[in-house]
Structure formats: C-alpha cells, structure tokens
C-alpha cells in the first residue's frame, strides 16, 4: 500500500542505497552478475563523461530519485531497475540528492549522513556531482 512522501522517506532511501552500495558482487547469483555486467546505467546522460574517476564501482540502481522511490507501509519500494549496473556510487548518491529540485541543504546533509552510516562517502567526487546538479537546475 502506497503512503505519503515524508522527510523520512529520503533518509530511508539513503540507508537502502548505502546498503546496496556495500554488496559484494560475489553475493549475487551468477545469472544476476551476468545481467549486471550487461546492463548500462547510462551514467553519461548526467555526467557527459566529465565526472571525476570513481574510487570504486558498486551495484547501482541507475535512476535513484523520488520518482522511483515509493513510500509504502513498512518502508519504501524501489521501482524501475532497468538501468542498474556497476558504476560510481557517488554518482548515484549525487543523483539522490540532486535530481529533485530545491532540496534544502539540511536535508542534503541528513541524507549524506544517513548514507554514510552504511557506506563510505568520497566527498570530492560527491561535491562534483552536487555542483553538476546545481548547474543543471540553474539552466532549467
């Protein structure tokens, strides 16, 4: 059952994202690993190939922002996994905090802090993605 979006929803999404980003690829089934390798999260569509080099790659959803995060009784549901794959986790965290317009700075910091409870944050790379999203919204 779908419920209303609250400030806690994005924090729940950050916690889930942090846990997804710490999955070891060997924990996935063989068929799923093959599917992940063949998938294209289309990172280029938001970075134009200019993002800093990732410190490591993890499993990513590929389109992880509010449109694909549904609040539900007992948690959230992530939908639209068509662009998942192995990519830079900071690109995806940047997507979570940047793809929704006008997220307040205190909300951004709370999301980053919640994510960091589960996975490491590479601040330099994340800052690049935050600036990139801010530029995107300024030009829209």
N, C-alpha and C. Protein backbone atom coordinates (compact mmCIF):
# COMPACT_ATOMS: atom_id res chain seq x y z
N UNK A 1 0.84 -1.18 0.00
CA UNK A 1 0.00 0.00 0.00
C UNK A 1 0.89 1.25 0.00
N UNK A 2 0.67 2.13 -0.94
CA UNK A 2 1.45 3.36 -1.05
C UNK A 2 1.02 4.35 0.03
N UNK A 3 1.99 5.07 0.60
CA UNK A 3 1.71 6.08 1.61
C UNK A 3 2.28 7.41 1.14
N UNK A 4 2.12 8.45 1.94
CA UNK A 4 2.60 9.78 1.59
C UNK A 4 4.11 9.90 1.74
N UNK A 5 4.71 10.74 0.91
CA UNK A 5 6.13 11.05 0.99
C UNK A 5 6.35 11.95 2.19
N UNK A 6 7.31 11.62 3.05
CA UNK A 6 7.65 12.44 4.22
C UNK A 6 9.15 12.71 4.20
N UNK A 7 9.63 13.60 5.05
CA UNK A 7 11.09 13.82 5.12
C UNK A 7 11.87 12.53 5.42
N UNK A 8 11.25 11.60 6.13
CA UNK A 8 11.92 10.34 6.46
C UNK A 8 12.12 9.45 5.23
N UNK A 9 11.31 9.64 4.20
CA UNK A 9 11.39 8.78 3.03
C UNK A 9 12.76 8.84 2.38
N UNK A 10 13.29 10.04 2.19
CA UNK A 10 14.59 10.18 1.55
C UNK A 10 15.69 9.61 2.44
N UNK A 11 15.53 9.70 3.76
CA UNK A 11 16.51 9.10 4.67
C UNK A 11 16.47 7.58 4.57
N UNK A 12 15.27 7.01 4.47
CA UNK A 12 15.16 5.56 4.26
C UNK A 12 15.81 5.16 2.94
N UNK A 13 15.59 5.98 1.92
CA UNK A 13 16.20 5.71 0.61
C UNK A 13 17.72 5.76 0.70
N UNK A 14 18.26 6.70 1.46
CA UNK A 14 19.71 6.80 1.63
C UNK A 14 20.27 5.59 2.34
N UNK A 15 19.57 5.10 3.35
CA UNK A 15 20.03 3.91 4.08
C UNK A 15 20.04 2.69 3.16
N UNK A 16 18.99 2.53 2.38
CA UNK A 16 18.94 1.40 1.45
C UNK A 16 20.05 1.51 0.42
N UNK A 17 20.24 2.71 -0.10
CA UNK A 17 21.29 2.93 -1.10
C UNK A 17 22.66 2.58 -0.53
N UNK A 18 22.93 3.01 0.69
CA UNK A 18 24.21 2.68 1.32
C UNK A 18 24.41 1.19 1.45
N UNK A 19 23.36 0.46 1.79
CA UNK A 19 23.48 -1.00 1.90
C UNK A 19 23.67 -1.65 0.53
N UNK A 20 22.96 -1.16 -0.49
CA UNK A 20 23.13 -1.69 -1.84
C UNK A 20 24.57 -1.47 -2.30
N UNK A 21 25.12 -0.31 -1.99
CA UNK A 21 26.47 0.03 -2.44
C UNK A 21 27.56 -0.74 -1.71
N UNK A 22 27.22 -1.47 -0.68
CA UNK A 22 28.22 -2.29 0.01
C UNK A 22 28.08 -3.77 -0.33
N UNK A 23 27.13 -4.11 -1.19
CA UNK A 23 27.00 -5.50 -1.61
C UNK A 23 28.25 -5.94 -2.36
N UNK A 24 28.70 -7.11 -2.06
CA UNK A 24 29.81 -7.71 -2.80
C UNK A 24 29.22 -8.40 -4.01
N UNK A 25 29.78 -8.13 -5.17
CA UNK A 25 29.27 -8.73 -6.40
C UNK A 25 29.19 -10.24 -6.35
N UNK A 26 30.05 -10.85 -5.55
CA UNK A 26 30.04 -12.30 -5.44
C UNK A 26 28.84 -12.82 -4.65
N UNK A 27 28.15 -11.91 -3.94
CA UNK A 27 26.94 -12.30 -3.21
C UNK A 27 25.75 -12.48 -4.16
N UNK A 28 25.86 -11.92 -5.36
CA UNK A 28 24.77 -12.03 -6.33
C UNK A 28 24.83 -13.38 -7.02
N UNK A 29 23.69 -13.84 -7.46
CA UNK A 29 23.66 -15.10 -8.21
C UNK A 29 24.42 -14.92 -9.52
N UNK A 30 24.88 -16.01 -10.08
CA UNK A 30 25.62 -15.96 -11.34
C UNK A 30 24.81 -15.29 -12.46
N UNK A 31 23.53 -15.68 -12.65
CA UNK A 31 22.74 -15.01 -13.69
C UNK A 31 22.58 -13.51 -13.45
N UNK A 32 22.41 -13.11 -12.19
CA UNK A 32 22.27 -11.69 -11.88
C UNK A 32 23.58 -10.94 -12.14
N UNK A 33 24.70 -11.55 -11.79
CA UNK A 33 26.00 -10.92 -12.08
C UNK A 33 26.17 -10.70 -13.57
N UNK A 34 25.77 -11.67 -14.37
CA UNK A 34 25.86 -11.52 -15.83
C UNK A 34 24.96 -10.39 -16.32
N UNK A 35 23.76 -10.33 -15.77
CA UNK A 35 22.83 -9.28 -16.15
C UNK A 35 23.37 -7.90 -15.76
N UNK A 36 23.96 -7.78 -14.59
CA UNK A 36 24.53 -6.51 -14.13
C UNK A 36 25.66 -6.09 -15.05
N UNK A 37 26.52 -7.02 -15.43
CA UNK A 37 27.63 -6.68 -16.33
C UNK A 37 27.14 -6.20 -17.69
N UNK A 38 26.03 -6.74 -18.15
CA UNK A 38 25.49 -6.38 -19.47
C UNK A 38 24.65 -5.11 -19.43
N UNK A 39 24.27 -4.66 -18.27
CA UNK A 39 23.40 -3.50 -18.12
C UNK A 39 24.18 -2.20 -18.27
N UNK A 40 23.48 -1.13 -18.62
CA UNK A 40 24.09 0.18 -18.77
C UNK A 40 23.30 1.22 -17.98
N UNK A 41 23.81 1.66 -16.83
CA UNK A 41 23.09 2.66 -16.03
C UNK A 41 23.04 4.05 -16.68
N UNK A 42 23.70 4.21 -17.81
CA UNK A 42 23.67 5.47 -18.55
C UNK A 42 24.17 6.65 -17.72
N UNK A 43 25.25 6.42 -17.01
CA UNK A 43 25.86 7.47 -16.20
C UNK A 43 26.19 8.68 -17.08
N UNK A 44 26.55 8.44 -18.32
CA UNK A 44 26.94 9.51 -19.24
C UNK A 44 25.83 10.54 -19.43
N UNK A 45 24.57 10.11 -19.31
CA UNK A 45 23.46 11.05 -19.55
C UNK A 45 23.44 12.19 -18.55
N UNK A 46 24.01 12.00 -17.37
CA UNK A 46 24.03 13.08 -16.38
C UNK A 46 25.42 13.66 -16.16
N UNK A 47 26.46 12.98 -16.60
CA UNK A 47 27.82 13.49 -16.37
C UNK A 47 28.52 13.94 -17.64
N UNK A 48 27.99 13.55 -18.79
CA UNK A 48 28.63 13.85 -20.09
C UNK A 48 30.08 13.38 -20.12
N UNK A 49 30.39 12.36 -19.33
CA UNK A 49 31.73 11.80 -19.30
C UNK A 49 32.75 12.67 -18.60
N UNK A 50 32.32 13.69 -17.87
CA UNK A 50 33.24 14.62 -17.23
C UNK A 50 33.42 14.40 -15.74
N UNK A 51 32.74 13.43 -15.18
CA UNK A 51 32.83 13.18 -13.73
C UNK A 51 34.23 12.73 -13.35
N UNK A 52 34.62 13.02 -12.11
CA UNK A 52 35.91 12.52 -11.65
C UNK A 52 35.94 10.99 -11.66
N UNK A 53 37.12 10.44 -11.78
CA UNK A 53 37.26 8.98 -11.80
C UNK A 53 36.78 8.40 -10.48
N UNK A 54 35.95 7.39 -10.57
CA UNK A 54 35.39 6.74 -9.39
C UNK A 54 36.50 6.04 -8.61
N UNK A 55 36.41 6.10 -7.28
CA UNK A 55 37.37 5.39 -6.45
C UNK A 55 37.10 3.88 -6.49
N UNK A 56 35.85 3.52 -6.71
CA UNK A 56 35.47 2.12 -6.88
C UNK A 56 34.09 2.07 -7.53
N UNK A 57 33.68 0.91 -7.94
CA UNK A 57 32.38 0.72 -8.57
C UNK A 57 31.55 -0.23 -7.70
N UNK A 58 30.25 0.03 -7.69
CA UNK A 58 29.33 -0.80 -6.92
C UNK A 58 28.07 -1.04 -7.75
N UNK A 59 27.21 -1.88 -7.24
CA UNK A 59 25.91 -2.06 -7.85
C UNK A 59 25.14 -0.76 -7.66
N UNK A 60 24.56 -0.22 -8.74
CA UNK A 60 23.75 0.99 -8.67
C UNK A 60 22.38 0.73 -9.30
N UNK A 61 21.42 1.46 -8.84
CA UNK A 61 20.06 1.41 -9.40
C UNK A 61 20.04 2.05 -10.78
N UNK A 62 20.72 3.19 -10.92
CA UNK A 62 20.84 3.86 -12.20
C UNK A 62 19.86 5.00 -12.43
N UNK A 63 18.85 5.11 -11.58
CA UNK A 63 17.84 6.16 -11.74
C UNK A 63 17.19 6.38 -10.37
N UNK A 64 18.03 6.57 -9.36
CA UNK A 64 17.59 6.52 -7.97
C UNK A 64 17.23 7.91 -7.46
N UNK A 65 15.98 8.31 -7.66
CA UNK A 65 15.47 9.55 -7.08
C UNK A 65 13.97 9.39 -6.85
N UNK A 66 13.32 10.43 -6.37
CA UNK A 66 11.97 10.30 -5.81
C UNK A 66 10.95 9.64 -6.74
N UNK A 67 11.05 9.82 -8.02
CA UNK A 67 10.07 9.23 -8.94
C UNK A 67 10.08 7.70 -8.85
N UNK A 68 11.23 7.13 -8.52
CA UNK A 68 11.38 5.67 -8.47
C UNK A 68 11.46 5.12 -7.05
N UNK A 69 11.14 5.95 -6.09
CA UNK A 69 11.13 5.54 -4.68
C UNK A 69 9.72 5.76 -4.15
N UNK A 70 9.03 4.68 -3.87
CA UNK A 70 7.64 4.78 -3.45
C UNK A 70 7.50 4.51 -1.96
N UNK A 71 7.02 5.50 -1.20
CA UNK A 71 6.75 5.24 0.21
C UNK A 71 5.65 4.19 0.32
N UNK A 72 5.82 3.26 1.22
CA UNK A 72 4.84 2.20 1.42
C UNK A 72 4.77 1.85 2.89
N UNK A 73 3.70 1.23 3.28
CA UNK A 73 3.58 0.79 4.67
C UNK A 73 4.76 -0.11 4.99
N UNK A 74 5.47 0.20 6.05
CA UNK A 74 6.60 -0.62 6.47
C UNK A 74 7.91 -0.30 5.76
N UNK A 75 7.98 0.77 4.97
CA UNK A 75 9.24 1.12 4.32
C UNK A 75 9.02 1.78 2.98
N UNK A 76 9.94 1.53 2.07
CA UNK A 76 9.81 2.08 0.72
C UNK A 76 9.99 0.97 -0.30
N UNK A 77 9.55 1.24 -1.50
CA UNK A 77 9.72 0.30 -2.61
C UNK A 77 10.48 1.02 -3.71
N UNK A 78 11.52 0.41 -4.20
CA UNK A 78 12.30 0.97 -5.31
C UNK A 78 11.84 0.30 -6.60
N UNK A 79 11.46 1.11 -7.56
CA UNK A 79 10.98 0.58 -8.83
C UNK A 79 11.89 1.04 -9.96
N UNK A 80 11.66 0.55 -11.15
CA UNK A 80 12.34 0.96 -12.37
C UNK A 80 13.84 0.66 -12.31
N UNK A 81 14.16 -0.61 -12.26
CA UNK A 81 15.55 -1.06 -12.18
C UNK A 81 16.17 -1.29 -13.56
N UNK A 82 15.58 -0.75 -14.61
CA UNK A 82 16.05 -1.06 -15.96
C UNK A 82 17.47 -0.55 -16.26
N UNK A 83 17.97 0.40 -15.49
CA UNK A 83 19.31 0.95 -15.76
C UNK A 83 20.32 0.61 -14.67
N UNK A 84 20.10 -0.48 -13.95
CA UNK A 84 21.05 -0.85 -12.89
C UNK A 84 22.35 -1.38 -13.51
N UNK A 85 23.39 -1.40 -12.72
CA UNK A 85 24.67 -1.91 -13.21
C UNK A 85 25.78 -1.58 -12.24
N UNK A 86 27.03 -1.71 -12.68
CA UNK A 86 28.20 -1.39 -11.86
C UNK A 86 28.68 0.00 -12.24
N UNK A 87 28.63 0.92 -11.31
CA UNK A 87 29.05 2.30 -11.56
C UNK A 87 29.53 2.94 -10.26
N UNK A 88 29.84 4.20 -10.37
CA UNK A 88 30.33 5.00 -9.26
C UNK A 88 29.20 5.24 -8.25
N UNK A 89 29.38 4.83 -7.00
CA UNK A 89 28.31 5.05 -6.01
C UNK A 89 28.07 6.53 -5.73
N UNK A 90 29.10 7.38 -5.89
CA UNK A 90 28.90 8.81 -5.64
C UNK A 90 28.05 9.45 -6.73
N UNK A 91 28.12 8.91 -7.94
CA UNK A 91 27.22 9.38 -9.00
C UNK A 91 25.78 9.15 -8.55
N UNK A 92 25.53 7.96 -8.01
CA UNK A 92 24.16 7.63 -7.62
C UNK A 92 23.72 8.41 -6.38
N UNK A 93 24.59 8.59 -5.40
CA UNK A 93 24.24 9.40 -4.23
C UNK A 93 23.99 10.84 -4.69
N UNK A 94 24.80 11.33 -5.61
CA UNK A 94 24.57 12.66 -6.18
C UNK A 94 23.22 12.75 -6.87
N UNK A 95 22.82 11.68 -7.54
CA UNK A 95 21.52 11.61 -8.19
C UNK A 95 20.41 11.73 -7.15
N UNK A 96 20.54 10.99 -6.04
CA UNK A 96 19.52 11.01 -4.99
C UNK A 96 19.34 12.40 -4.41
N UNK A 97 20.42 13.14 -4.21
CA UNK A 97 20.30 14.46 -3.58
C UNK A 97 20.22 15.59 -4.60
N UNK A 98 20.47 15.30 -5.88
CA UNK A 98 20.47 16.37 -6.86
C UNK A 98 19.33 16.35 -7.86
N UNK A 99 18.76 15.20 -8.15
CA UNK A 99 17.75 15.10 -9.21
C UNK A 99 16.41 15.70 -8.82
N UNK A 100 16.18 15.89 -7.53
CA UNK A 100 14.96 16.55 -7.08
C UNK A 100 15.28 18.01 -6.80
N UNK A 101 14.57 18.88 -7.47
CA UNK A 101 14.82 20.32 -7.36
C UNK A 101 14.51 20.85 -5.97
N UNK A 102 15.30 21.80 -5.54
CA UNK A 102 15.07 22.57 -4.31
C UNK A 102 15.13 21.77 -3.02
N UNK A 103 15.92 20.73 -2.97
CA UNK A 103 16.14 20.03 -1.70
C UNK A 103 16.95 20.96 -0.81
N UNK A 104 16.52 21.18 0.40
CA UNK A 104 17.19 22.09 1.32
C UNK A 104 18.52 21.51 1.78
N UNK A 105 19.49 22.39 2.09
CA UNK A 105 20.82 21.95 2.47
C UNK A 105 20.81 21.06 3.70
N UNK A 106 19.95 21.34 4.67
CA UNK A 106 19.89 20.48 5.86
C UNK A 106 19.38 19.08 5.49
N UNK A 107 18.47 19.00 4.52
CA UNK A 107 18.00 17.69 4.05
C UNK A 107 19.12 16.95 3.33
N UNK A 108 19.88 17.67 2.51
CA UNK A 108 21.01 17.06 1.80
C UNK A 108 22.00 16.48 2.79
N UNK A 109 22.36 17.26 3.79
CA UNK A 109 23.33 16.78 4.78
C UNK A 109 22.80 15.60 5.58
N UNK A 110 21.51 15.60 5.87
CA UNK A 110 20.91 14.46 6.59
C UNK A 110 20.95 13.19 5.73
N UNK A 111 20.68 13.33 4.44
CA UNK A 111 20.73 12.18 3.52
C UNK A 111 22.16 11.65 3.43
N UNK A 112 23.13 12.54 3.30
CA UNK A 112 24.53 12.11 3.22
C UNK A 112 24.94 11.41 4.50
N UNK A 113 24.56 11.97 5.65
CA UNK A 113 24.91 11.36 6.94
C UNK A 113 24.29 9.97 7.07
N UNK A 114 23.04 9.82 6.65
CA UNK A 114 22.39 8.50 6.73
C UNK A 114 23.06 7.51 5.80
N UNK A 115 23.37 7.93 4.60
CA UNK A 115 24.09 7.06 3.65
C UNK A 115 25.42 6.63 4.27
N UNK A 116 26.12 7.58 4.88
CA UNK A 116 27.46 7.31 5.43
C UNK A 116 27.42 6.35 6.62
N UNK A 117 26.28 6.17 7.23
CA UNK A 117 26.16 5.17 8.30
C UNK A 117 26.31 3.76 7.74
N UNK A 118 26.13 3.61 6.41
CA UNK A 118 26.13 2.29 5.78
C UNK A 118 27.26 2.10 4.78
N UNK A 119 27.75 3.19 4.19
CA UNK A 119 28.78 3.10 3.14
C UNK A 119 29.63 4.36 3.17
N UNK A 120 30.88 4.26 2.72
CA UNK A 120 31.76 5.43 2.74
C UNK A 120 31.35 6.48 1.70
N UNK A 121 31.62 7.73 2.02
CA UNK A 121 31.36 8.84 1.11
C UNK A 121 32.69 9.41 0.66
N UNK A 122 32.87 9.52 -0.64
CA UNK A 122 34.05 10.17 -1.21
C UNK A 122 33.64 11.61 -1.50
N UNK A 123 33.95 12.51 -0.56
CA UNK A 123 33.44 13.89 -0.59
C UNK A 123 33.81 14.65 -1.86
N UNK A 124 35.03 14.51 -2.32
CA UNK A 124 35.46 15.26 -3.51
C UNK A 124 34.61 14.88 -4.72
N UNK A 125 34.41 13.62 -4.91
CA UNK A 125 33.61 13.14 -6.03
C UNK A 125 32.14 13.54 -5.85
N UNK A 126 31.61 13.38 -4.65
CA UNK A 126 30.22 13.75 -4.40
C UNK A 126 30.01 15.24 -4.62
N UNK A 127 30.95 16.06 -4.19
CA UNK A 127 30.85 17.51 -4.38
C UNK A 127 30.77 17.85 -5.86
N UNK A 128 31.55 17.15 -6.69
CA UNK A 128 31.49 17.39 -8.13
C UNK A 128 30.07 17.13 -8.63
N UNK A 129 29.47 16.02 -8.22
CA UNK A 129 28.12 15.68 -8.66
C UNK A 129 27.09 16.69 -8.15
N UNK A 130 27.27 17.16 -6.92
CA UNK A 130 26.36 18.16 -6.39
C UNK A 130 26.44 19.46 -7.21
N UNK A 131 27.65 19.89 -7.54
CA UNK A 131 27.81 21.09 -8.36
C UNK A 131 27.19 20.90 -9.74
N UNK A 132 27.39 19.72 -10.29
CA UNK A 132 26.85 19.41 -11.61
C UNK A 132 25.32 19.50 -11.61
N UNK A 133 24.67 18.94 -10.59
CA UNK A 133 23.22 19.02 -10.49
C UNK A 133 22.77 20.46 -10.25
N UNK A 134 23.49 21.21 -9.43
CA UNK A 134 23.13 22.62 -9.20
C UNK A 134 23.20 23.40 -10.51
N UNK A 135 24.22 23.17 -11.31
CA UNK A 135 24.33 23.82 -12.62
C UNK A 135 23.16 23.43 -13.52
N UNK A 136 22.82 22.14 -13.50
CA UNK A 136 21.69 21.66 -14.29
C UNK A 136 20.42 22.44 -13.94
N UNK A 137 20.12 22.56 -12.66
CA UNK A 137 18.88 23.23 -12.25
C UNK A 137 18.94 24.72 -12.52
N UNK A 138 20.12 25.34 -12.46
CA UNK A 138 20.23 26.77 -12.77
C UNK A 138 19.90 27.04 -14.23
N UNK A 139 20.24 26.10 -15.11
CA UNK A 139 20.00 26.32 -16.53
C UNK A 139 18.60 25.92 -16.97
N UNK A 140 17.83 25.30 -16.12
CA UNK A 140 16.46 24.85 -16.49
C UNK A 140 15.47 25.95 -16.29
